[in-house]
C-alpha atoms as a PDB file:
ATOM      1  CA  MET A   1      -2.827  12.047 -23.513  1.00  0.00           C
ATOM      2  CA  ALA A   2      -4.357  12.417 -20.036  1.00  0.00           C
ATOM      3  CA  SER A   3      -6.264  15.525 -21.097  1.00  0.00           C
ATOM      4  CA  GLU A   4      -7.920  13.326 -23.762  1.00  0.00           C
ATOM      5  CA  ASN A   5      -9.107  10.771 -21.179  1.00  0.00           C
ATOM      6  CA  ASN A   6      -6.062   8.502 -21.448  1.00  0.00           C
ATOM      7  CA  ALA A   7      -3.258   7.977 -18.947  1.00  0.00           C
ATOM      8  CA  PHE A   8       0.157   8.927 -20.306  1.00  0.00           C
ATOM      9  CA  LEU A   9       3.215   7.041 -19.024  1.00  0.00           C
ATOM     10  CA  VAL A  10       6.690   7.888 -20.287  1.00  0.00           C
ATOM     11  CA  ARG A  11       9.349   5.548 -18.951  1.00  0.00           C
ATOM     12  CA  ASP A  12      12.245   7.229 -20.750  1.00  0.00           C
ATOM     13  CA  VAL A  13      11.817  10.836 -21.876  1.00  0.00           C
ATOM     14  CA  GLY A  14      14.932  10.722 -24.034  1.00  0.00           C
ATOM     15  CA  SER A  15      13.756   7.870 -26.260  1.00  0.00           C
ATOM     16  CA  ASP A  16      10.000   8.505 -26.434  1.00  0.00           C
ATOM     17  CA  ARG A  17       9.071   9.827 -29.887  1.00  0.00           C
ATOM     18  CA  ARG A  18       5.879  11.425 -28.595  1.00  0.00           C
ATOM     19  CA  LEU A  19       7.999  13.993 -26.772  1.00  0.00           C
ATOM     20  CA  GLN A  20      10.222  14.971 -29.688  1.00  0.00           C
ATOM     21  CA  LEU A  21       7.682  17.400 -31.172  1.00  0.00           C
ATOM     22  CA  GLY A  22       9.477  20.321 -29.586  1.00  0.00           C
ATOM     23  CA  GLY A  23      12.650  19.526 -31.486  1.00  0.00           C
ATOM     24  CA  PRO A  24      15.879  17.875 -30.373  1.00  0.00           C
ATOM     25  CA  SER A  25      16.944  20.907 -28.373  1.00  0.00           C
ATOM     26  CA  ARG A  26      14.020  20.573 -25.961  1.00  0.00           C
ATOM     27  CA  ARG A  27      15.171  19.403 -22.510  1.00  0.00           C
ATOM     28  CA  TYR A  28      13.228  17.813 -19.674  1.00  0.00           C
ATOM     29  CA  GLU A  29      14.126  17.940 -16.007  1.00  0.00           C
ATOM     30  CA  SER A  30      12.966  14.372 -15.336  1.00  0.00           C
ATOM     31  CA  LYS A  31      13.774  11.030 -16.911  1.00  0.00           C
ATOM     32  CA  SER A  32      10.179   9.827 -16.782  1.00  0.00           C
ATOM     33  CA  PHE A  33       6.735  11.058 -15.911  1.00  0.00           C
ATOM     34  CA  LEU A  34       3.134   9.942 -15.570  1.00  0.00           C
ATOM     35  CA  SER A  35      -0.055  11.847 -16.341  1.00  0.00           C
ATOM     36  CA  VAL A  36      -3.338  10.440 -14.971  1.00  0.00           C
ATOM     37  CA  PRO A  37      -6.749  11.941 -15.851  1.00  0.00           C
ATOM     38  CA  LEU A  38      -9.366  12.656 -13.193  1.00  0.00           C
ATOM     39  CA  ARG A  39     -12.668  11.532 -14.700  1.00  0.00           C
ATOM     40  CA  LYS A  40     -16.258  12.195 -13.727  1.00  0.00           C
ATOM     41  CA  ASP A  41     -19.333  11.259 -15.746  1.00  0.00           C
ATOM     42  CA  GLY A  42     -17.117  10.394 -18.721  1.00  0.00           C
ATOM     43  CA  GLN A  43     -15.400  13.773 -18.757  1.00  0.00           C
ATOM     44  CA  VAL A  44     -11.897  14.767 -17.701  1.00  0.00           C
ATOM     45  CA  LYS A  45     -12.097  17.186 -14.766  1.00  0.00           C
ATOM     46  CA  GLY A  46      -8.377  17.504 -14.209  1.00  0.00           C
ATOM     47  CA  VAL A  47      -5.009  15.840 -14.551  1.00  0.00           C
ATOM     48  CA  ILE A  48      -2.403  14.658 -12.064  1.00  0.00           C
ATOM     49  CA  ASN A  49       1.158  14.884 -13.400  1.00  0.00           C
ATOM     50  CA  VAL A  50       3.889  13.091 -11.487  1.00  0.00           C
ATOM     51  CA  THR A  51       7.512  13.480 -12.538  1.00  0.00           C
ATOM     52  CA  ASP A  52      10.312  11.259 -11.421  1.00  0.00           C
ATOM     53  CA  PRO A  53      13.246  13.093  -9.825  1.00  0.00           C
ATOM     54  CA  VAL A  54      16.470  13.124 -11.803  1.00  0.00           C
ATOM     55  CA  GLY A  55      18.211   9.809 -11.100  1.00  0.00           C
ATOM     56  CA  ARG A  56      18.411   6.208 -12.247  1.00  0.00           C
ATOM     57  CA  ASP A  57      14.857   5.252 -11.206  1.00  0.00           C
ATOM     58  CA  HIS A  58      11.963   5.476 -13.646  1.00  0.00           C
ATOM     59  CA  LEU A  59       8.221   5.467 -13.267  1.00  0.00           C
ATOM     60  CA  ASP A  60       6.714   2.191 -14.442  1.00  0.00           C
ATOM     61  CA  GLU A  61       3.454   0.316 -15.000  1.00  0.00           C
ATOM     62  CA  ALA A  62       3.147  -0.440 -11.269  1.00  0.00           C
ATOM     63  CA  ASP A  63       3.240   3.300 -10.548  1.00  0.00           C
ATOM     64  CA  HIS A  64       0.590   3.791 -13.220  1.00  0.00           C
ATOM     65  CA  ALA A  65      -1.704   1.184 -11.656  1.00  0.00           C
ATOM     66  CA  LEU A  66      -1.198   2.660  -8.197  1.00  0.00           C
ATOM     67  CA  LEU A  67      -2.050   6.206  -9.242  1.00  0.00           C
ATOM     68  CA  GLU A  68      -5.072   5.084 -11.244  1.00  0.00           C
ATOM     69  CA  LEU A  69      -6.311   3.600  -7.980  1.00  0.00           C
ATOM     70  CA  PHE A  70      -6.496   7.113  -6.539  1.00  0.00           C
ATOM     71  CA  ALA A  71      -8.131   8.907  -9.440  1.00  0.00           C
ATOM     72  CA  ASP A  72     -11.758   8.354  -8.438  1.00  0.00           C
ATOM     73  CA  ARG A  73     -11.062   9.253  -4.817  1.00  0.00           C
ATOM     74  CA  VAL A  74      -9.372  12.505  -5.850  1.00  0.00           C
ATOM     75  CA  VAL A  75     -12.417  13.504  -7.918  1.00  0.00           C
ATOM     76  CA  ARG A  76     -14.698  12.842  -4.945  1.00  0.00           C
ATOM     77  CA  ALA A  77     -12.494  14.968  -2.705  1.00  0.00           C
ATOM     78  CA  MET A  78     -12.465  17.834  -5.208  1.00  0.00           C
ATOM     79  CA  ASP A  79     -16.262  17.697  -5.495  1.00  0.00           C
ATOM     80  CA  ALA A  80     -16.500  18.111  -1.743  1.00  0.00           C
ATOM     81  CA  LEU A  81     -14.599  21.415  -1.954  1.00  0.00           C
ATOM     82  CA  SER A  82     -16.586  24.478  -2.984  1.00  0.00           C
ATOM     83  CA  ASP A  83     -14.043  27.275  -2.857  1.00  0.00           C
ATOM     84  CA  PHE A  84     -11.635  27.522  -5.804  1.00  0.00           C
ATOM     85  CA  LYS A  85      -8.709  28.702  -3.717  1.00  0.00           C
ATOM     86  CA  GLU A  86      -9.260  25.823  -1.336  1.00  0.00           C
ATOM     87  CA  LYS A  87      -9.328  23.452  -4.314  1.00  0.00           C
ATOM     88  CA  SER A  88      -6.017  24.808  -5.544  1.00  0.00           C
ATOM     89  CA  ARG A  89      -4.388  24.302  -2.152  1.00  0.00           C
ATOM     90  CA  GLU A  90      -5.811  20.811  -1.770  1.00  0.00           C
ATOM     91  CA  PHE A  91      -4.746  19.913  -5.307  1.00  0.00           C
ATOM     92  CA  GLU A  92      -1.144  20.732  -4.471  1.00  0.00           C
ATOM     93  CA  ASP A  93      -1.473  18.521  -1.386  1.00  0.00           C
ATOM     94  CA  VAL A  94      -2.629  15.698  -3.648  1.00  0.00           C
ATOM     95  CA  ARG A  95       0.374  16.121  -5.936  1.00  0.00           C
ATOM     96  CA  SER A  96       2.680  15.984  -2.929  1.00  0.00           C
ATOM     97  CA  MET A  97       0.906  12.904  -1.603  1.00  0.00           C
ATOM     98  CA  PHE A  98       1.311  11.082  -4.932  1.00  0.00           C
ATOM     99  CA  LYS A  99       5.041  11.715  -4.893  1.00  0.00           C
ATOM    100  CA  SER A 100       5.282  10.414  -1.334  1.00  0.00           C
ATOM    101  CA  LEU A 101       3.320   7.321  -2.297  1.00  0.00           C
ATOM    102  CA  LEU A 102       5.809   6.490  -5.038  1.00  0.00           C
ATOM    103  CA  ASP A 103       8.654   7.019  -2.578  1.00  0.00           C
ATOM    104  CA  ALA A 104       7.010   4.715  -0.036  1.00  0.00           C
ATOM    105  CA  LYS A 105       6.631   2.001  -2.682  1.00  0.00           C
ATOM    106  CA  ARG A 106      10.383   2.056  -3.220  1.00  0.00           C
ATOM    107  CA  TYR A 107      11.134   1.723   0.492  1.00  0.00           C
ATOM    108  CA  VAL A 108       9.150  -1.456   1.125  1.00  0.00           C
ATOM    109  CA  ASP A 109       9.212  -4.945  -0.352  1.00  0.00           C
ATOM    110  CA  THR A 110       6.390  -5.258  -2.871  1.00  0.00           C
ATOM    111  CA  GLN A 111       6.689  -9.014  -3.430  1.00  0.00           C
ATOM    112  CA  ASN A 112       3.471 -11.015  -3.180  1.00  0.00           C
ATOM    113  CA  VAL A 113       1.263  -7.908  -3.297  1.00  0.00           C
ATOM    114  CA  ASP A 114      -0.995  -9.268  -6.059  1.00  0.00           C
ATOM    115  CA  ALA A 115      -1.343 -12.654  -4.353  1.00  0.00           C
ATOM    116  CA  LEU A 116      -2.205 -11.011  -1.052  1.00  0.00           C
ATOM    117  CA  SER A 117      -4.728  -8.692  -2.681  1.00  0.00           C
ATOM    118  CA  SER A 118      -6.539 -11.786  -4.008  1.00  0.00           C
ATOM    119  CA  VAL A 119      -6.341 -13.397  -0.563  1.00  0.00           C
ATOM    120  CA  LEU A 120      -7.886 -10.314   1.038  1.00  0.00           C
ATOM    121  CA  ARG A 121     -10.815 -10.477  -1.376  1.00  0.00           C
ATOM    122  CA  GLU A 122     -11.656 -13.987  -0.133  1.00  0.00           C
ATOM    123  CA  VAL A 123     -10.904 -13.179   3.509  1.00  0.00           C
ATOM    124  CA  SER A 124     -13.326 -10.263   3.417  1.00  0.00           C
ATOM    125  CA  ASP A 125     -16.022 -12.581   2.017  1.00  0.00           C
ATOM    126  CA  ARG A 126     -15.453 -15.072   4.836  1.00  0.00           C
ATOM    127  CA  LEU A 127     -15.727 -12.293   7.397  1.00  0.00           C
ATOM    128  CA  GLY A 128     -19.056 -11.104   5.981  1.00  0.00           C
ATOM    129  CA  MET A 129     -17.895  -7.860   4.395  1.00  0.00           C
ATOM    130  CA  SER A 130     -19.917  -6.351   1.561  1.00  0.00           C
ATOM    131  CA  PRO A 131     -18.382  -6.007  -1.949  1.00  0.00           C
ATOM    132  CA  GLU A 132     -17.880  -2.279  -1.347  1.00  0.00           C
ATOM    133  CA  GLU A 133     -16.189  -2.935   2.001  1.00  0.00           C
ATOM    134  CA  SER A 134     -13.988  -5.569   0.357  1.00  0.00           C
ATOM    135  CA  ALA A 135     -12.931  -3.119  -2.367  1.00  0.00           C
ATOM    136  CA  THR A 136     -12.102  -0.495   0.260  1.00  0.00           C
ATOM    137  CA  LEU A 137     -10.021  -3.030   2.201  1.00  0.00           C
ATOM    138  CA  ARG A 138      -7.962  -3.827  -0.888  1.00  0.00           C
ATOM    139  CA  TYR A 139      -7.523  -0.121  -1.555  1.00  0.00           C
ATOM    140  CA  VAL A 140      -6.258   0.344   2.019  1.00  0.00           C
ATOM    141  CA  PHE A 141      -3.806  -2.512   1.458  1.00  0.00           C
ATOM    142  CA  ASN A 142      -2.161  -0.396  -1.267  1.00  0.00           C
ATOM    143  CA  VAL A 143      -1.750   2.722   0.894  1.00  0.00           C
ATOM    144  CA  TYR A 144      -1.474   1.660   4.544  1.00  0.00           C
ATOM    145  CA  ASP A 145       2.306   2.209   4.694  1.00  0.00           C
ATOM    146  CA  LEU A 146       2.225   5.572   2.923  1.00  0.00           C
ATOM    147  CA  GLY A 147       3.764   7.277   5.962  1.00  0.00           C
ATOM    148  CA  LEU A 148       6.995   5.285   5.553  1.00  0.00           C
ATOM    149  CA  ALA A 149       8.008   7.777   2.869  1.00  0.00           C
ATOM    150  CA  LYS A 150       8.578  10.313   5.648  1.00  0.00           C
ATOM    151  CA  VAL A 151      10.610   7.905   7.802  1.00  0.00           C
ATOM    152  CA  GLY A 152      13.510   7.380   5.424  1.00  0.00           C
ATOM    153  CA  GLN A 153      15.135   4.405   3.744  1.00  0.00           C
ATOM    154  CA  ASN A 154      18.206   4.549   6.000  1.00  0.00           C
ATOM    155  CA  ILE A 155      16.008   3.573   8.961  1.00  0.00           C
ATOM    156  CA  ILE A 156      13.604   1.183   7.257  1.00  0.00           C
ATOM    157  CA  LYS A 157      16.237  -1.015   5.601  1.00  0.00           C
ATOM    158  CA  GLN A 158      19.029  -0.982   8.145  1.00  0.00           C
ATOM    159  CA  PRO A 159      20.117  -4.557   9.086  1.00  0.00           C
ATOM    160  CA  ARG A 160      20.456  -3.884  12.811  1.00  0.00           C
ATOM    161  CA  GLU A 161      18.227  -3.331  15.794  1.00  0.00           C
ATOM    162  CA  LEU A 162      16.585   0.079  15.813  1.00  0.00           C
ATOM    163  CA  SER A 163      17.532   2.691  18.374  1.00  0.00           C
ATOM    164  CA  LEU A 164      14.822   4.153  20.597  1.00  0.00           C
ATOM    165  CA  GLN A 165      14.700   7.275  18.402  1.00  0.00           C
ATOM    166  CA  ASP A 166      14.526   5.205  15.202  1.00  0.00           C
ATOM    167  CA  ARG A 167      11.723   3.097  16.647  1.00  0.00           C
ATOM    168  CA  PHE A 168       9.828   6.258  17.621  1.00  0.00           C
ATOM    169  CA  ASP A 169      10.242   7.611  14.081  1.00  0.00           C
ATOM    170  CA  VAL A 170       8.988   4.348  12.550  1.00  0.00           C
ATOM    171  CA  GLU A 171       5.964   4.247  14.854  1.00  0.00           C
ATOM    172  CA  GLN A 172       4.979   7.735  13.694  1.00  0.00           C
ATOM    173  CA  HIS A 173       4.373   6.443  10.161  1.00  0.00           C
ATOM    174  CA  THR A 174       0.778   5.458  10.934  1.00  0.00           C
ATOM    175  CA  ILE A 175      -0.024   8.986  12.100  1.00  0.00           C
ATOM    176  CA  VAL A 176       1.862  10.541   9.195  1.00  0.00           C
ATOM    177  CA  GLY A 177       0.109   8.289   6.676  1.00  0.00           C
ATOM    178  CA  ASN A 178      -3.285   9.229   8.079  1.00  0.00           C
ATOM    179  CA  ASP A 179      -2.434  12.925   7.782  1.00  0.00           C
ATOM    180  CA  MET A 180      -1.132  12.517   4.224  1.00  0.00           C
ATOM    181  CA  LEU A 181      -4.388  10.922   3.064  1.00  0.00           C
ATOM    182  CA  LYS A 182      -6.583  13.730   4.367  1.00  0.00           C
ATOM    183  CA  PRO A 183      -6.478  15.756   1.105  1.00  0.00           C
ATOM    184  CA  ILE A 184      -8.276  12.988  -0.817  1.00  0.00           C
ATOM    185  CA  GLU A 185      -9.848  10.748   1.822  1.00  0.00           C
ATOM    186  CA  ILE A 186     -13.153  12.098   3.068  1.00  0.00           C
ATOM    187  CA  ILE A 187     -14.100   8.635   4.369  1.00  0.00           C
ATOM    188  CA  PRO A 188     -12.880   8.255   7.970  1.00  0.00           C
ATOM    189  CA  ARG A 189     -12.878   4.455   7.688  1.00  0.00           C
ATOM    190  CA  VAL A 190      -9.942   4.488   5.269  1.00  0.00           C
ATOM    191  CA  ARG A 191      -7.839   6.854   7.354  1.00  0.00           C
ATOM    192  CA  ASP A 192      -8.660   4.911  10.540  1.00  0.00           C
ATOM    193  CA  ALA A 193      -7.416   1.683   8.948  1.00  0.00           C
ATOM    194  CA  VAL A 194      -4.129   3.397   8.060  1.00  0.00           C
ATOM    195  CA  LEU A 195      -3.853   4.967  11.513  1.00  0.00           C
ATOM    196  CA  TYR A 196      -4.542   1.789  13.501  1.00  0.00           C
ATOM    197  CA  HIS A 197      -2.982  -1.014  11.426  1.00  0.00           C
ATOM    198  CA  HIS A 198      -0.264  -1.515  14.074  1.00  0.00           C
ATOM    199  CA  GLU A 199      -2.659  -1.882  16.989  1.00  0.00           C
ATOM    200  CA  ASN A 200      -2.460  -5.284  18.704  1.00  0.00           C
ATOM    201  CA  TYR A 201      -5.456  -7.353  19.743  1.00  0.00           C
ATOM    202  CA  ASP A 202      -4.277  -7.356  23.383  1.00  0.00           C
ATOM    203  CA  GLY A 203      -3.858  -3.557  23.498  1.00  0.00           C
ATOM    204  CA  SER A 204      -0.058  -3.491  23.304  1.00  0.00           C
ATOM    205  CA  GLY A 205       0.209  -1.847  19.878  1.00  0.00           C
ATOM    206  CA  TYR A 206       0.363   1.761  18.670  1.00  0.00           C
ATOM    207  CA  PRO A 207      -0.588   4.579  18.363  1.00  0.00           C
ATOM    208  CA  GLY A 208      -3.780   4.351  20.434  1.00  0.00           C
ATOM    209  CA  LYS A 209      -3.321   1.174  22.524  1.00  0.00           C
ATOM    210  CA  LEU A 210      -6.682  -0.045  21.236  1.00  0.00           C
ATOM    211  CA  SER A 211      -7.688  -3.657  21.880  1.00  0.00           C
ATOM    212  CA  GLY A 212     -10.098  -6.269  20.561  1.00  0.00           C
ATOM    213  CA  GLU A 213     -12.981  -4.910  18.546  1.00  0.00           C
ATOM    214  CA  GLU A 214     -12.033  -1.338  19.440  1.00  0.00           C
ATOM    215  CA  ILE A 215      -9.634  -1.766  16.525  1.00  0.00           C
ATOM    216  CA  PRO A 216     -11.405  -1.247  13.174  1.00  0.00           C
ATOM    217  CA  LEU A 217     -11.871  -4.520  11.280  1.00  0.00           C
ATOM    218  CA  ASP A 218      -9.923  -3.240   8.267  1.00  0.00           C
ATOM    219  CA  ALA A 219      -6.969  -2.475  10.542  1.00  0.00           C
ATOM    220  CA  ARG A 220      -7.161  -5.922  12.174  1.00  0.00           C
ATOM    221  CA  ILE A 221      -7.046  -7.586   8.766  1.00  0.00           C
ATOM    222  CA  ILE A 222      -4.203  -5.398   7.497  1.00  0.00           C
ATOM    223  CA  ARG A 223      -2.267  -6.162  10.722  1.00  0.00           C
ATOM    224  CA  VAL A 224      -2.309  -9.855   9.825  1.00  0.00           C
ATOM    225  CA  ALA A 225      -1.605  -9.352   6.112  1.00  0.00           C
ATOM    226  CA  ASP A 226       1.244  -6.913   6.811  1.00  0.00           C
ATOM    227  CA  THR A 227       2.945  -9.299   9.244  1.00  0.00           C
ATOM    228  CA  PHE A 228       2.515 -12.238   6.889  1.00  0.00           C
ATOM    229  CA  ARG A 229       4.018 -10.294   3.973  1.00  0.00           C
ATOM    230  CA  ALA A 230       6.957  -9.197   6.114  1.00  0.00           C
ATOM    231  CA  LEU A 231       7.636 -12.772   7.240  1.00  0.00           C
ATOM    232  CA  ILE A 232       7.658 -14.361   3.773  1.00  0.00           C
ATOM    233  CA  SER A 233       9.620 -11.519   2.133  1.00  0.00           C
ATOM    234  CA  HIS A 234      13.364 -11.003   2.110  1.00  0.00           C
ATOM    235  CA  ARG A 235      14.271  -8.248   4.579  1.00  0.00           C
ATOM    236  CA  PRO A 236      17.812  -7.186   5.597  1.00  0.00           C
ATOM    237  CA  TYR A 237      16.995  -7.447   9.325  1.00  0.00           C
ATOM    238  CA  GLN A 238      15.369 -10.912   9.407  1.00  0.00           C
ATOM    239  CA  LYS A 239      15.354 -14.298   7.698  1.00  0.00           C
ATOM    240  CA  GLN A 240      12.787 -15.103   5.039  1.00  0.00           C
ATOM    241  CA  TYR A 241      10.187 -17.458   6.491  1.00  0.00           C
ATOM    242  CA  SER A 242       8.603 -20.324   4.604  1.00  0.00           C
ATOM    243  CA  LEU A 243       4.846 -20.288   4.169  1.00  0.00           C
ATOM    244  CA  SER A 244       4.261 -22.840   6.944  1.00  0.00           C
ATOM    245  CA  GLU A 245       6.603 -20.991   9.332  1.00  0.00           C
ATOM    246  CA  ALA A 246       4.752 -17.726   8.709  1.00  0.00           C
ATOM    247  CA  ILE A 247       1.412 -19.433   9.315  1.00  0.00           C
ATOM    248  CA  GLN A 248       2.729 -20.862  12.592  1.00  0.00           C
ATOM    249  CA  VAL A 249       3.711 -17.342  13.713  1.00  0.00           C
ATOM    250  CA  LEU A 250       0.238 -16.012  12.948  1.00  0.00           C
ATOM    251  CA  ARG A 251      -1.432 -18.836  14.837  1.00  0.00           C
ATOM    252  CA  HIS A 252       0.932 -18.541  17.800  1.00  0.00           C
ATOM    253  CA  ARG A 253       0.196 -14.799  18.130  1.00  0.00           C
ATOM    254  CA  ALA A 254      -3.575 -15.063  17.574  1.00  0.00           C
ATOM    255  CA  GLY A 255      -5.284 -13.517  20.577  1.00  0.00           C
ATOM    256  CA  THR A 256      -2.270 -11.362  21.476  1.00  0.00           C
ATOM    257  CA  LEU A 257      -1.143  -9.500  18.350  1.00  0.00           C
ATOM    258  CA  PHE A 258      -3.932 -10.637  16.040  1.00  0.00           C
ATOM    259  CA  ASP A 259      -7.688 -11.130  16.006  1.00  0.00           C
ATOM    260  CA  PRO A 260      -8.135 -14.951  16.169  1.00  0.00           C
ATOM    261  CA  HIS A 261     -11.110 -14.903  13.767  1.00  0.00           C
ATOM    262  CA  VAL A 262      -9.114 -12.907  11.203  1.00  0.00           C
ATOM    263  CA  VAL A 263      -6.140 -15.284  11.532  1.00  0.00           C
ATOM    264  CA  GLU A 264      -8.372 -18.313  11.035  1.00  0.00           C
ATOM    265  CA  ALA A 265      -9.934 -16.893   7.862  1.00  0.00           C
ATOM    266  CA  PHE A 266      -6.610 -15.596   6.544  1.00  0.00           C
ATOM    267  CA  VAL A 267      -4.749 -18.884   7.063  1.00  0.00           C
ATOM    268  CA  GLU A 268      -7.499 -20.910   5.397  1.00  0.00           C
ATOM    269  CA  VAL A 269      -7.363 -18.750   2.281  1.00  0.00           C
ATOM    270  CA  VAL A 270      -3.545 -18.631   2.176  1.00  0.00           C
ATOM    271  CA  MET A 271      -3.319 -22.423   2.336  1.00  0.00           C
ATOM    272  CA  LYS A 272      -5.847 -22.649  -0.490  1.00  0.00           C
ATOM    273  CA  HIS A 273      -3.617 -20.417  -2.665  1.00  0.00           C
ATOM    274  CA  ALA A 274      -0.205 -21.552  -1.405  1.00  0.00           C
ATOM    275  CA  GLY A 275       1.253 -21.789  -4.909  1.00  0.00           C
ATOM    276  CA  SER A 276       0.615 -18.101  -5.602  1.00  0.00           C
ATOM    277  CA  PHE A 277       3.283 -16.860  -3.191  1.00  0.00           C
ATOM    278  CA  ASN A 278       6.941 -16.248  -3.941  1.00  0.00           C
ATOM    279  CA  THR A 279       8.526 -18.113  -1.024  1.00  0.00           C
ATOM    280  CA  PRO A 280      11.521 -20.440  -0.546  1.00  0.00           C
ATOM    281  CA  GLY A 281      11.029 -23.888  -2.098  1.00  0.00           C
ATOM    282  CA  SER A 282       8.953 -25.129  -5.007  1.00  0.00           C
ATOM    283  CA  PRO A 283       5.133 -25.114  -4.883  1.00  0.00           C
ATOM    284  CA  ALA A 284       5.183 -28.892  -4.343  1.00  0.00           C
ATOM    285  CA  GLU A 285       7.629 -28.564  -1.435  1.00  0.00           C
ATOM    286  CA  THR A 286       5.489 -25.791   0.050  1.00  0.00           C
ATOM    287  CA  ARG A 287       2.361 -27.961  -0.150  1.00  0.00           C
ATOM    288  CA  ARG A 288       4.131 -30.916   1.511  1.00  0.00           C
ATOM    289  CA  GLU A 289       5.406 -28.638   4.270  1.00  0.00           C
ATOM    290  CA  LEU A 290       1.920 -27.231   4.853  1.00  0.00           C
ATOM    291  CA  ASP A 291       0.442 -30.741   4.938  1.00  0.00           C
ATOM    292  CA  ARG A 292       2.994 -31.810   7.547  1.00  0.00           C
ATOM    293  CA  SER A 293       2.288 -28.744   9.672  1.00  0.00           C
ATOM    294  CA  MET A 294      -1.424 -29.612   9.763  1.00  0.00           C
ATOM    295  CA  ARG A 295      -0.928 -33.141  11.146  1.00  0.00           C
END
């Protein structure tokens, strides 16, 4: 159990024997739930319980991994609070944020996330980031679209051009995500990366119209990785690009949408790990296509 220093994931409440101790008449409001301990110095300081709303969806191992990612950061945030009442209020904010994070994960395509996380590790090395900075970057990559949970699936996945109001709502997700992270993120760098990951290198992005190195490096890297993931994934409003087509887009927009140095490092690492991505065509076909594009 989480209170005993172990995470506790129940995919199906009805069939899990561990939950039958209360007798067959005991009823649960949710089909699945996850309990994650908050550890400090080897001791459990608290527990985050997340229940899935009644419906066909269940919590799974990916949810478990995602929430474990937050545990240490939650403990740090709680340590920074001295007043018990304030802790209680902030703790409820954390619970709400976890639920929104799970919702956001369901709204976006999560293909190629593991491959891209590995790519970002190497990209950060090439750009001279420290191991701690690299770890923070990969953490940001798991939460940068948190604010999409407040936008709504009907807007995100619609197969038509967005209206002006829909586009405004979507563009608010960077601000919303930044606000949602405040209960556990005392490090401004993380929130800034979430806030500015849609800024463009030429100053045409949002929300701050920042340009060049005014944009935090983490945000510049996530801008490239986010676009690349969108291009090679199946989305209802666009075709799925091949690896070489996506690379061509990144190179074509380097200097306008993207930091050229980030694009150069990113493309080099992606080509090195081309077989790790789930894209149209076999790995051999992908390699031949990449070789042709380099001639």
